[in-house]
Structure formats: C-alpha cells, structure tokens
N, C-alpha and C. Protein backbone atom coordinates (compact mmCIF):
# COMPACT_ATOMS: atom_id res chain seq x y z
N UNK A 1 -46.59 144.01 227.32
CA UNK A 1 -47.30 144.07 226.07
C UNK A 1 -47.88 142.69 225.81
N UNK A 2 -49.12 142.66 225.35
CA UNK A 2 -49.74 141.36 225.09
C UNK A 2 -49.95 141.14 223.60
N UNK A 3 -50.39 139.93 223.26
CA UNK A 3 -50.56 139.57 221.85
C UNK A 3 -51.64 140.40 221.16
N UNK A 4 -52.65 140.88 221.91
CA UNK A 4 -53.68 141.69 221.26
C UNK A 4 -53.09 142.99 220.72
N UNK A 5 -52.09 143.54 221.41
CA UNK A 5 -51.41 144.73 220.89
C UNK A 5 -50.74 144.44 219.56
N UNK A 6 -50.20 143.23 219.42
CA UNK A 6 -49.56 142.86 218.16
C UNK A 6 -50.58 142.77 217.04
N UNK A 7 -51.75 142.20 217.34
CA UNK A 7 -52.76 141.99 216.31
C UNK A 7 -53.41 143.30 215.87
N UNK A 8 -53.65 144.22 216.80
CA UNK A 8 -54.40 145.40 216.40
C UNK A 8 -53.50 146.55 215.95
N UNK A 9 -52.21 146.30 215.75
CA UNK A 9 -51.36 147.27 215.09
C UNK A 9 -50.83 148.39 215.95
N UNK A 10 -50.85 148.24 217.27
CA UNK A 10 -50.32 149.30 218.13
C UNK A 10 -48.84 149.09 218.44
N UNK A 11 -48.14 148.42 217.58
CA UNK A 11 -46.74 148.11 217.83
C UNK A 11 -45.89 148.69 216.72
N UNK A 12 -44.74 149.24 217.08
CA UNK A 12 -43.82 149.80 216.10
C UNK A 12 -42.54 148.99 216.14
N UNK A 13 -42.06 148.55 214.98
CA UNK A 13 -40.84 147.77 214.88
C UNK A 13 -39.80 148.58 214.12
N UNK A 14 -38.52 148.40 214.45
CA UNK A 14 -37.46 148.99 213.65
C UNK A 14 -36.13 148.37 214.03
N UNK A 15 -35.23 148.41 213.09
CA UNK A 15 -33.87 147.96 213.31
C UNK A 15 -32.99 149.18 213.44
N UNK A 16 -31.95 149.08 214.24
CA UNK A 16 -30.94 150.13 214.27
C UNK A 16 -29.62 149.53 214.73
N UNK A 17 -28.56 150.22 214.40
CA UNK A 17 -27.22 149.79 214.81
C UNK A 17 -26.82 150.54 216.06
N UNK A 18 -26.28 149.83 217.01
CA UNK A 18 -25.79 150.44 218.24
C UNK A 18 -24.49 149.73 218.60
N UNK A 19 -23.40 150.49 218.63
CA UNK A 19 -22.08 149.93 218.93
C UNK A 19 -21.77 148.72 218.05
N UNK A 20 -22.03 148.86 216.76
CA UNK A 20 -21.78 147.82 215.77
C UNK A 20 -22.61 146.56 216.00
N UNK A 21 -23.72 146.64 216.75
CA UNK A 21 -24.62 145.51 216.93
C UNK A 21 -25.95 145.84 216.27
N UNK A 22 -26.52 144.87 215.58
CA UNK A 22 -27.83 145.05 214.98
C UNK A 22 -28.87 144.82 216.06
N UNK A 23 -29.66 145.84 216.35
CA UNK A 23 -30.67 145.78 217.41
C UNK A 23 -32.04 145.88 216.76
N UNK A 24 -32.95 145.03 217.21
CA UNK A 24 -34.33 145.08 216.76
C UNK A 24 -35.13 145.70 217.88
N UNK A 25 -35.71 146.85 217.63
CA UNK A 25 -36.46 147.59 218.63
C UNK A 25 -37.93 147.27 218.48
N UNK A 26 -38.57 146.95 219.59
CA UNK A 26 -39.96 146.51 219.59
C UNK A 26 -40.66 147.31 220.68
N UNK A 27 -41.35 148.39 220.31
CA UNK A 27 -41.93 149.28 221.32
C UNK A 27 -43.42 149.48 221.07
N UNK A 28 -44.13 149.69 222.14
CA UNK A 28 -45.54 150.03 222.07
C UNK A 28 -45.67 151.49 221.65
N UNK A 29 -46.54 151.81 220.68
CA UNK A 29 -46.67 153.17 220.17
C UNK A 29 -47.02 154.18 221.25
N UNK A 30 -47.82 153.79 222.23
CA UNK A 30 -48.18 154.74 223.30
C UNK A 30 -46.95 155.16 224.08
N UNK A 31 -46.05 154.23 224.34
CA UNK A 31 -44.81 154.57 225.05
C UNK A 31 -43.96 155.51 224.22
N UNK A 32 -43.90 155.28 222.91
CA UNK A 32 -43.12 156.15 222.03
C UNK A 32 -43.71 157.55 222.04
N UNK A 33 -45.03 157.67 221.88
CA UNK A 33 -45.67 158.98 221.86
C UNK A 33 -45.47 159.70 223.18
N UNK A 34 -45.58 158.98 224.31
CA UNK A 34 -45.38 159.59 225.62
C UNK A 34 -43.95 160.12 225.74
N UNK A 35 -42.99 159.35 225.27
CA UNK A 35 -41.60 159.76 225.35
C UNK A 35 -41.32 160.96 224.45
N UNK A 36 -41.91 160.97 223.26
CA UNK A 36 -41.70 162.08 222.34
C UNK A 36 -42.28 163.38 222.90
N UNK A 37 -43.37 163.29 223.61
CA UNK A 37 -44.00 164.48 224.17
C UNK A 37 -43.24 164.96 225.40
N UNK A 38 -42.83 164.01 226.27
CA UNK A 38 -42.25 164.40 227.54
C UNK A 38 -40.76 164.71 227.47
N UNK A 39 -40.07 164.30 226.42
CA UNK A 39 -38.64 164.53 226.34
C UNK A 39 -38.33 165.48 225.20
N UNK A 40 -37.52 166.47 225.49
CA UNK A 40 -37.11 167.40 224.46
C UNK A 40 -35.82 166.87 223.84
N UNK A 41 -35.71 166.92 222.51
CA UNK A 41 -34.47 166.46 221.90
C UNK A 41 -33.32 167.36 222.29
N UNK A 42 -32.14 166.81 222.26
CA UNK A 42 -30.95 167.56 222.60
C UNK A 42 -30.13 166.84 223.64
N UNK A 43 -29.00 167.40 223.97
CA UNK A 43 -28.12 166.74 224.93
C UNK A 43 -28.71 166.77 226.33
N UNK A 44 -28.31 165.82 227.17
CA UNK A 44 -28.79 165.80 228.54
C UNK A 44 -28.37 167.06 229.28
N UNK A 45 -29.12 167.38 230.34
CA UNK A 45 -28.87 168.63 231.05
C UNK A 45 -27.59 168.59 231.88
N UNK A 46 -27.18 167.44 232.39
CA UNK A 46 -25.97 167.38 233.18
C UNK A 46 -24.95 166.50 232.48
N UNK A 47 -23.70 166.75 232.70
CA UNK A 47 -22.64 166.01 232.04
C UNK A 47 -21.83 165.28 233.11
N UNK A 48 -22.03 163.94 233.27
CA UNK A 48 -21.34 163.22 234.32
C UNK A 48 -19.85 163.09 234.09
N UNK A 49 -19.38 163.34 232.87
CA UNK A 49 -17.94 163.23 232.63
C UNK A 49 -17.20 164.43 233.16
N UNK A 50 -17.89 165.52 233.46
CA UNK A 50 -17.26 166.72 233.97
C UNK A 50 -16.59 167.54 232.89
N UNK A 51 -16.69 167.11 231.66
CA UNK A 51 -16.05 167.80 230.56
C UNK A 51 -17.11 168.43 229.67
N UNK A 52 -17.05 169.73 229.51
CA UNK A 52 -18.06 170.41 228.70
C UNK A 52 -17.79 170.25 227.22
N UNK A 53 -16.60 169.74 226.85
CA UNK A 53 -16.29 169.62 225.43
C UNK A 53 -16.33 168.16 224.96
N UNK A 54 -17.04 167.28 225.66
CA UNK A 54 -17.19 165.90 225.22
C UNK A 54 -18.22 165.87 224.10
N UNK A 55 -17.73 165.97 222.85
CA UNK A 55 -18.62 166.12 221.70
C UNK A 55 -19.53 164.92 221.51
N UNK A 56 -19.00 163.72 221.68
CA UNK A 56 -19.83 162.53 221.47
C UNK A 56 -20.98 162.50 222.47
N UNK A 57 -20.69 162.75 223.72
CA UNK A 57 -21.70 162.74 224.77
C UNK A 57 -22.74 163.82 224.52
N UNK A 58 -22.31 165.01 224.17
CA UNK A 58 -23.23 166.13 223.97
C UNK A 58 -23.98 166.06 222.65
N UNK A 59 -23.50 165.29 221.71
CA UNK A 59 -24.17 165.25 220.41
C UNK A 59 -25.30 164.22 220.36
N UNK A 60 -25.41 163.36 221.35
CA UNK A 60 -26.45 162.34 221.39
C UNK A 60 -27.70 162.92 222.05
N UNK A 61 -28.86 162.72 221.42
CA UNK A 61 -30.10 163.24 222.00
C UNK A 61 -30.44 162.46 223.27
N UNK A 62 -31.11 163.09 224.19
CA UNK A 62 -31.39 162.51 225.50
C UNK A 62 -32.26 161.26 225.42
N UNK A 63 -33.09 161.13 224.39
CA UNK A 63 -33.96 159.95 224.32
C UNK A 63 -33.20 158.69 223.92
N UNK A 64 -31.90 158.78 223.62
CA UNK A 64 -31.09 157.61 223.29
C UNK A 64 -30.43 157.00 224.52
N UNK A 65 -30.41 157.71 225.66
CA UNK A 65 -29.78 157.21 226.87
C UNK A 65 -30.78 156.42 227.71
N UNK A 66 -30.31 155.37 228.36
CA UNK A 66 -31.14 154.65 229.32
C UNK A 66 -31.15 155.43 230.62
N UNK A 67 -32.32 155.49 231.25
CA UNK A 67 -32.42 156.10 232.57
C UNK A 67 -33.00 155.10 233.55
N UNK A 68 -32.85 155.40 234.82
CA UNK A 68 -33.30 154.48 235.86
C UNK A 68 -34.81 154.28 235.83
N UNK A 69 -35.57 155.32 235.51
CA UNK A 69 -37.03 155.27 235.56
C UNK A 69 -37.66 154.82 234.25
N UNK A 70 -36.87 154.70 233.23
CA UNK A 70 -37.41 154.43 231.91
C UNK A 70 -37.91 153.00 231.77
N UNK A 71 -39.10 152.86 231.19
CA UNK A 71 -39.67 151.55 230.91
C UNK A 71 -39.76 151.40 229.40
N UNK A 72 -38.82 150.67 228.83
CA UNK A 72 -38.79 150.44 227.39
C UNK A 72 -38.76 148.95 227.17
N UNK A 73 -39.61 148.49 226.31
CA UNK A 73 -39.62 147.08 225.97
C UNK A 73 -38.82 146.92 224.68
N UNK A 74 -37.68 146.28 224.78
CA UNK A 74 -36.84 146.02 223.62
C UNK A 74 -36.86 144.54 223.31
N UNK A 75 -36.74 144.24 222.05
CA UNK A 75 -36.65 142.85 221.64
C UNK A 75 -35.32 142.67 220.93
N UNK A 76 -34.58 141.65 221.33
CA UNK A 76 -33.26 141.40 220.79
C UNK A 76 -33.19 140.04 220.13
N UNK A 77 -32.25 139.91 219.21
CA UNK A 77 -31.94 138.58 218.71
C UNK A 77 -31.20 137.85 219.81
N UNK A 78 -31.58 136.63 220.07
CA UNK A 78 -30.94 135.84 221.11
C UNK A 78 -30.01 134.84 220.47
N UNK A 79 -28.82 134.74 221.02
CA UNK A 79 -27.85 133.76 220.54
C UNK A 79 -27.63 132.75 221.65
N UNK A 80 -27.80 131.47 221.35
CA UNK A 80 -27.60 130.45 222.39
C UNK A 80 -26.16 130.46 222.91
N UNK A 81 -26.02 130.34 224.21
CA UNK A 81 -24.69 130.31 224.83
C UNK A 81 -23.86 129.17 224.31
N UNK A 82 -24.50 128.08 223.90
CA UNK A 82 -23.77 126.90 223.40
C UNK A 82 -22.89 127.27 222.21
N UNK A 83 -23.28 128.25 221.41
CA UNK A 83 -22.48 128.63 220.26
C UNK A 83 -21.14 129.24 220.67
N UNK A 84 -21.05 129.71 221.92
CA UNK A 84 -19.80 130.28 222.42
C UNK A 84 -19.07 129.34 223.38
N UNK A 85 -19.83 128.52 224.09
CA UNK A 85 -19.22 127.72 225.15
C UNK A 85 -18.95 126.27 224.76
N UNK A 86 -19.69 125.71 223.84
CA UNK A 86 -19.49 124.33 223.44
C UNK A 86 -18.27 124.25 222.52
N UNK A 87 -17.29 123.42 222.87
CA UNK A 87 -16.09 123.30 222.03
C UNK A 87 -16.40 122.88 220.59
N UNK A 88 -17.52 122.23 220.37
CA UNK A 88 -17.91 121.81 219.01
C UNK A 88 -18.03 123.01 218.08
N UNK A 89 -18.43 124.18 218.61
CA UNK A 89 -18.64 125.35 217.79
C UNK A 89 -17.45 126.30 217.77
N UNK A 90 -16.33 125.86 218.32
CA UNK A 90 -15.12 126.67 218.28
C UNK A 90 -14.72 126.82 216.81
N UNK A 91 -14.44 128.03 216.39
CA UNK A 91 -14.09 128.29 215.00
C UNK A 91 -15.24 128.85 214.19
N UNK A 92 -16.46 128.76 214.70
CA UNK A 92 -17.61 129.35 214.02
C UNK A 92 -17.55 130.87 214.25
N UNK A 93 -17.43 131.62 213.17
CA UNK A 93 -17.24 133.07 213.31
C UNK A 93 -18.54 133.78 213.70
N UNK A 94 -18.41 135.06 214.04
CA UNK A 94 -19.57 135.82 214.52
C UNK A 94 -20.64 136.03 213.45
N UNK A 95 -20.25 136.15 212.19
CA UNK A 95 -21.24 136.34 211.11
C UNK A 95 -22.25 135.20 211.05
N UNK A 96 -21.78 133.94 210.97
CA UNK A 96 -22.75 132.84 210.98
C UNK A 96 -23.54 132.74 212.28
N UNK A 97 -22.93 133.10 213.41
CA UNK A 97 -23.65 133.07 214.68
C UNK A 97 -24.79 134.09 214.67
N UNK A 98 -24.52 135.27 214.12
CA UNK A 98 -25.59 136.28 214.02
C UNK A 98 -26.68 135.81 213.08
N UNK A 99 -26.27 135.22 211.95
CA UNK A 99 -27.27 134.72 211.01
C UNK A 99 -28.11 133.61 211.64
N UNK A 100 -27.49 132.74 212.43
CA UNK A 100 -28.23 131.69 213.14
C UNK A 100 -29.26 132.34 214.07
N UNK A 101 -28.87 133.38 214.79
CA UNK A 101 -29.78 134.06 215.70
C UNK A 101 -30.97 134.66 214.96
N UNK A 102 -30.73 135.22 213.78
CA UNK A 102 -31.80 135.79 212.98
C UNK A 102 -32.74 134.69 212.49
N UNK A 103 -32.16 133.59 212.01
CA UNK A 103 -32.99 132.47 211.55
C UNK A 103 -33.82 131.90 212.70
N UNK A 104 -33.19 131.77 213.85
CA UNK A 104 -33.88 131.24 215.03
C UNK A 104 -35.02 132.16 215.46
N UNK A 105 -34.78 133.46 215.39
CA UNK A 105 -35.80 134.44 215.75
C UNK A 105 -36.99 134.36 214.79
N UNK A 106 -36.72 134.02 213.57
CA UNK A 106 -37.77 133.98 212.54
C UNK A 106 -38.63 132.72 212.65
N UNK A 107 -38.32 131.80 213.56
CA UNK A 107 -39.08 130.56 213.69
C UNK A 107 -40.55 130.78 214.06
N UNK A 108 -40.89 131.93 214.63
CA UNK A 108 -42.29 132.16 214.97
C UNK A 108 -43.16 132.34 213.72
N UNK A 109 -42.56 132.75 212.60
CA UNK A 109 -43.33 132.91 211.36
C UNK A 109 -43.83 131.57 210.82
N UNK A 110 -42.98 130.53 210.71
CA UNK A 110 -43.52 129.26 210.21
C UNK A 110 -44.53 128.63 211.17
N UNK A 111 -44.37 128.87 212.46
CA UNK A 111 -45.35 128.35 213.41
C UNK A 111 -46.70 129.02 213.15
N UNK A 112 -46.67 130.33 212.97
CA UNK A 112 -47.89 131.09 212.71
C UNK A 112 -48.53 130.68 211.38
N UNK A 113 -47.69 130.40 210.36
CA UNK A 113 -48.19 130.06 209.02
C UNK A 113 -48.34 128.56 208.80
N UNK A 114 -48.08 127.78 209.85
CA UNK A 114 -48.21 126.32 209.79
C UNK A 114 -47.33 125.70 208.70
N UNK A 115 -46.08 126.21 208.61
CA UNK A 115 -45.12 125.65 207.67
C UNK A 115 -44.42 124.49 208.34
N UNK A 116 -44.87 123.30 208.08
CA UNK A 116 -44.21 122.11 208.60
C UNK A 116 -44.24 121.03 207.54
N UNK A 117 -43.25 120.17 207.61
CA UNK A 117 -43.16 119.11 206.60
C UNK A 117 -43.97 117.90 207.03
N UNK A 118 -43.83 116.81 206.28
CA UNK A 118 -44.60 115.59 206.55
C UNK A 118 -44.25 114.96 207.90
N UNK A 119 -43.07 115.27 208.46
CA UNK A 119 -42.68 114.75 209.77
C UNK A 119 -43.08 115.70 210.91
N UNK A 120 -43.63 116.84 210.57
CA UNK A 120 -44.03 117.81 211.58
C UNK A 120 -42.93 118.80 211.96
N UNK A 121 -41.79 118.77 211.24
CA UNK A 121 -40.69 119.69 211.52
C UNK A 121 -40.98 121.03 210.85
N UNK A 122 -40.78 122.12 211.60
CA UNK A 122 -41.01 123.45 211.03
C UNK A 122 -39.78 123.88 210.24
N UNK A 123 -40.04 124.69 209.22
CA UNK A 123 -38.96 125.16 208.36
C UNK A 123 -39.22 126.62 208.00
N UNK A 124 -38.15 127.28 207.57
CA UNK A 124 -38.23 128.67 207.12
C UNK A 124 -38.10 128.73 205.62
N UNK A 125 -38.66 129.74 205.05
CA UNK A 125 -38.35 130.11 203.67
C UNK A 125 -37.80 131.52 203.76
N UNK A 126 -36.51 131.63 203.57
CA UNK A 126 -35.80 132.89 203.74
C UNK A 126 -34.82 132.98 202.59
N UNK A 127 -35.09 133.82 201.62
CA UNK A 127 -34.25 133.89 200.43
C UNK A 127 -32.88 134.48 200.76
N UNK A 128 -31.93 134.16 199.90
CA UNK A 128 -30.58 134.70 200.05
C UNK A 128 -30.62 136.22 199.97
N UNK A 129 -31.45 136.75 199.09
CA UNK A 129 -31.56 138.20 198.93
C UNK A 129 -32.08 138.86 200.20
N UNK A 130 -33.09 138.25 200.83
CA UNK A 130 -33.63 138.80 202.08
C UNK A 130 -32.57 138.82 203.17
N UNK A 131 -31.85 137.71 203.29
CA UNK A 131 -30.78 137.65 204.30
C UNK A 131 -29.68 138.66 204.00
N UNK A 132 -29.30 138.78 202.72
CA UNK A 132 -28.26 139.73 202.34
C UNK A 132 -28.69 141.16 202.66
N UNK A 133 -29.95 141.49 202.40
CA UNK A 133 -30.45 142.84 202.70
C UNK A 133 -30.49 143.08 204.21
N UNK A 134 -30.93 142.10 204.95
CA UNK A 134 -31.03 142.26 206.40
C UNK A 134 -29.66 142.42 207.04
N UNK A 135 -28.71 141.59 206.64
CA UNK A 135 -27.37 141.64 207.22
C UNK A 135 -26.46 142.66 206.54
N UNK A 136 -26.94 143.24 205.45
CA UNK A 136 -26.18 144.23 204.69
C UNK A 136 -24.83 143.69 204.24
N UNK A 137 -24.86 142.48 203.67
CA UNK A 137 -23.68 141.86 203.10
C UNK A 137 -24.06 141.26 201.75
N UNK A 138 -23.07 140.83 200.99
CA UNK A 138 -23.37 140.31 199.65
C UNK A 138 -23.79 138.84 199.70
N UNK A 139 -24.27 138.37 198.54
CA UNK A 139 -24.78 137.00 198.42
C UNK A 139 -23.70 135.97 198.73
N UNK A 140 -22.46 136.24 198.32
CA UNK A 140 -21.37 135.29 198.55
C UNK A 140 -21.15 135.07 200.05
N UNK A 141 -21.23 136.15 200.81
CA UNK A 141 -21.06 136.03 202.27
C UNK A 141 -22.19 135.22 202.88
N UNK A 142 -23.42 135.44 202.40
CA UNK A 142 -24.57 134.66 202.90
C UNK A 142 -24.35 133.19 202.61
N UNK A 143 -23.87 132.88 201.42
CA UNK A 143 -23.62 131.47 201.05
C UNK A 143 -22.53 130.87 201.94
N UNK A 144 -21.47 131.64 202.26
CA UNK A 144 -20.42 131.16 203.17
C UNK A 144 -20.99 130.91 204.57
N UNK A 145 -21.82 131.85 205.06
CA UNK A 145 -22.42 131.70 206.39
C UNK A 145 -23.31 130.46 206.43
N UNK A 146 -24.13 130.28 205.38
CA UNK A 146 -25.01 129.11 205.34
C UNK A 146 -24.18 127.83 205.35
N UNK A 147 -23.11 127.80 204.57
CA UNK A 147 -22.25 126.62 204.52
C UNK A 147 -21.65 126.34 205.90
N UNK A 148 -21.22 127.38 206.60
CA UNK A 148 -20.69 127.20 207.96
C UNK A 148 -21.74 126.62 208.89
N UNK A 149 -22.95 127.15 208.81
CA UNK A 149 -24.03 126.65 209.68
C UNK A 149 -24.38 125.21 209.35
N UNK A 150 -24.31 124.85 208.07
CA UNK A 150 -24.54 123.46 207.68
C UNK A 150 -23.40 122.58 208.19
N UNK A 151 -22.16 123.03 208.01
CA UNK A 151 -20.99 122.26 208.45
C UNK A 151 -21.01 122.02 209.96
N UNK A 152 -21.52 122.97 210.73
CA UNK A 152 -21.59 122.84 212.19
C UNK A 152 -22.91 122.21 212.65
N UNK A 153 -23.70 121.70 211.70
CA UNK A 153 -24.98 121.03 211.98
C UNK A 153 -25.95 121.92 212.76
N UNK A 154 -26.03 123.18 212.34
CA UNK A 154 -26.98 124.10 212.96
C UNK A 154 -28.19 124.39 212.07
N UNK A 155 -28.05 124.14 210.78
CA UNK A 155 -29.20 124.24 209.86
C UNK A 155 -29.10 123.12 208.83
N UNK A 156 -30.25 122.83 208.22
CA UNK A 156 -30.31 121.98 207.04
C UNK A 156 -30.94 122.84 205.96
N UNK A 157 -30.31 122.91 204.81
CA UNK A 157 -30.78 123.72 203.70
C UNK A 157 -31.27 122.78 202.61
N UNK A 158 -32.58 122.60 202.52
CA UNK A 158 -33.17 121.62 201.59
C UNK A 158 -33.59 122.32 200.31
N UNK A 159 -32.98 121.91 199.21
CA UNK A 159 -33.29 122.49 197.89
C UNK A 159 -34.68 122.06 197.43
N UNK A 160 -35.41 123.02 196.86
CA UNK A 160 -36.75 122.74 196.34
C UNK A 160 -36.81 122.82 194.82
N UNK A 161 -35.75 123.26 194.21
CA UNK A 161 -35.74 123.35 192.75
C UNK A 161 -35.32 124.73 192.30
N UNK A 162 -34.99 124.81 191.01
CA UNK A 162 -34.49 126.05 190.45
C UNK A 162 -35.53 127.16 190.52
N UNK A 163 -35.07 128.33 190.96
CA UNK A 163 -35.95 129.49 191.05
C UNK A 163 -36.79 129.55 192.32
N UNK A 164 -36.71 128.55 193.17
CA UNK A 164 -37.49 128.54 194.41
C UNK A 164 -36.53 128.66 195.60
N UNK A 165 -36.97 129.36 196.63
CA UNK A 165 -36.17 129.46 197.85
C UNK A 165 -36.12 128.11 198.54
N UNK A 166 -34.98 127.81 199.13
CA UNK A 166 -34.81 126.55 199.84
C UNK A 166 -35.58 126.56 201.16
N UNK A 167 -35.87 125.37 201.66
CA UNK A 167 -36.40 125.23 203.01
C UNK A 167 -35.20 125.21 203.95
N UNK A 168 -35.27 126.02 204.98
CA UNK A 168 -34.19 126.04 205.97
C UNK A 168 -34.75 125.49 207.27
N UNK A 169 -34.17 124.39 207.73
CA UNK A 169 -34.53 123.81 209.01
C UNK A 169 -33.49 124.29 210.02
N UNK A 170 -33.93 125.03 211.03
CA UNK A 170 -33.03 125.50 212.08
C UNK A 170 -32.96 124.41 213.14
N UNK A 171 -31.76 123.92 213.41
CA UNK A 171 -31.57 122.86 214.38
C UNK A 171 -31.14 123.43 215.72
N UNK A 172 -31.46 122.72 216.77
CA UNK A 172 -31.04 123.14 218.10
C UNK A 172 -29.54 122.90 218.25
N UNK A 173 -28.83 123.82 218.89
CA UNK A 173 -27.40 123.57 219.10
C UNK A 173 -27.21 122.45 220.11
N UNK A 174 -26.12 121.73 219.95
CA UNK A 174 -25.81 120.65 220.89
C UNK A 174 -25.25 121.24 222.17
N UNK A 175 -25.72 120.72 223.29
CA UNK A 175 -25.21 121.13 224.59
C UNK A 175 -24.09 120.19 224.97
N UNK A 176 -23.16 120.67 225.78
CA UNK A 176 -22.12 119.79 226.28
C UNK A 176 -22.42 119.51 227.74
N UNK A 177 -21.73 118.54 228.32
CA UNK A 177 -22.07 118.00 229.64
C UNK A 177 -22.24 119.06 230.72
N UNK A 178 -21.28 119.98 230.87
CA UNK A 178 -21.41 120.97 231.95
C UNK A 178 -22.59 121.90 231.71
N UNK A 179 -22.92 122.15 230.46
CA UNK A 179 -24.06 123.02 230.17
C UNK A 179 -25.38 122.30 230.43
N UNK A 180 -25.42 120.99 230.18
CA UNK A 180 -26.63 120.23 230.45
C UNK A 180 -27.00 120.27 231.91
N UNK A 181 -25.98 120.21 232.80
CA UNK A 181 -26.27 120.26 234.24
C UNK A 181 -26.68 121.66 234.68
N UNK A 182 -26.19 122.70 233.98
CA UNK A 182 -26.56 124.07 234.32
C UNK A 182 -27.90 124.47 233.73
N UNK A 183 -28.38 123.73 232.75
CA UNK A 183 -29.58 124.10 232.02
C UNK A 183 -30.80 124.25 232.94
N UNK A 184 -30.83 123.53 234.02
CA UNK A 184 -31.98 123.65 234.92
C UNK A 184 -31.97 124.99 235.67
N UNK A 185 -30.77 125.60 235.84
CA UNK A 185 -30.71 126.86 236.56
C UNK A 185 -30.50 128.05 235.64
N UNK A 186 -30.04 127.83 234.41
CA UNK A 186 -29.77 128.90 233.48
C UNK A 186 -31.04 129.26 232.72
N UNK A 187 -31.09 130.52 232.25
CA UNK A 187 -32.28 130.95 231.50
C UNK A 187 -32.29 130.43 230.08
N UNK A 188 -31.14 130.24 229.47
CA UNK A 188 -31.13 129.82 228.06
C UNK A 188 -29.92 128.94 227.78
N UNK A 189 -30.02 128.10 226.73
CA UNK A 189 -28.88 127.25 226.38
C UNK A 189 -27.76 128.03 225.72
C-alpha cells in the first residue's frame, strides 16, 4: 500500500481486541471487498482438532483465521524491546508500556502538522480524555501511567495552562550496552 492510497481515502481503519491485545487493523478497501465476496461467513470447512464439538473453534467465522495464502496488511502498535530488556525499565507495568506505544505511534501526526517547538522537537497534543477513551480506562489510571512514563524518563509532559491539553514529548528509550551492539543487526530497539 502506498501513501496515495492513504490520501485518496481507499483505506479502512479499525481497532479490535484479540486475545486481550488492542490491535489496530489497517487494510486496503479493495482487499476487504474481495475477501467479503470470496469468503462465506461461518465456521471453517475442516476441523483440525478432530473434535466436532469444539464450540470456540466452530463459532469463529472463517474470515478471522489466518491462512497460508492470505495477504492482509495489518498495522500494529510497536513497543521497543528496550522497555522489556533494559534493566532501567524493570518495574514499568504493561499499562504504561502500551500507552507509550500508542503515544509513539501517534508521532506521525505532529510531523504531518508541523508541531514542533522552538528547538525543533516534535510534541503531541493528546488529551487525558482521548487516552482514557482509547485505552478504555479512567482518568486516574491515565494519570498514573503518565506519571510512570515521566518517572522512567520516557515522556515529558509540559503544562500549557488551565483548560489546555499539555504538550507531550515522547522520548527515545535508553539502550543498554548489549542492545547497542545488537542494534545493527536487530530490526528495532
């Protein structure tokens, strides 16, 4: 998929939960229409478990399963490996890590809108309400997650005044020595 598809509106976006993970689905409309026409809803024709009474397996429509021939372009939130492997981030719970991934994913918006400060650093404007709605948690949890990310030096939350959303600067996670040497061969930090 190229950027022209994004501009001319042939792209469909949606969020869904899969195995308790928030997944962002990013598909080309033509692929969706082709799949809807060529696949009939309902359970798959064969049951690899050998059990005809596997209700969970039989209750899922066939278009939800991955197949060998299927070409689906999915877009996921990426979480830097450093958040799991660097001892500095030991103790940072999964909620703030997911929120960091969402904030990091949103960095393309300020680049597109030319949101940068006097030093040229890009920042986000992401209200607590928007984050709470996206993560489906309350404001207090968002505030705890933000505080954790600030404490671990992963974001800077700059106040702009009463009634205005803060500027959020997403910082790069710190790499540790063994990860720095692997960085040349690894796909992501």
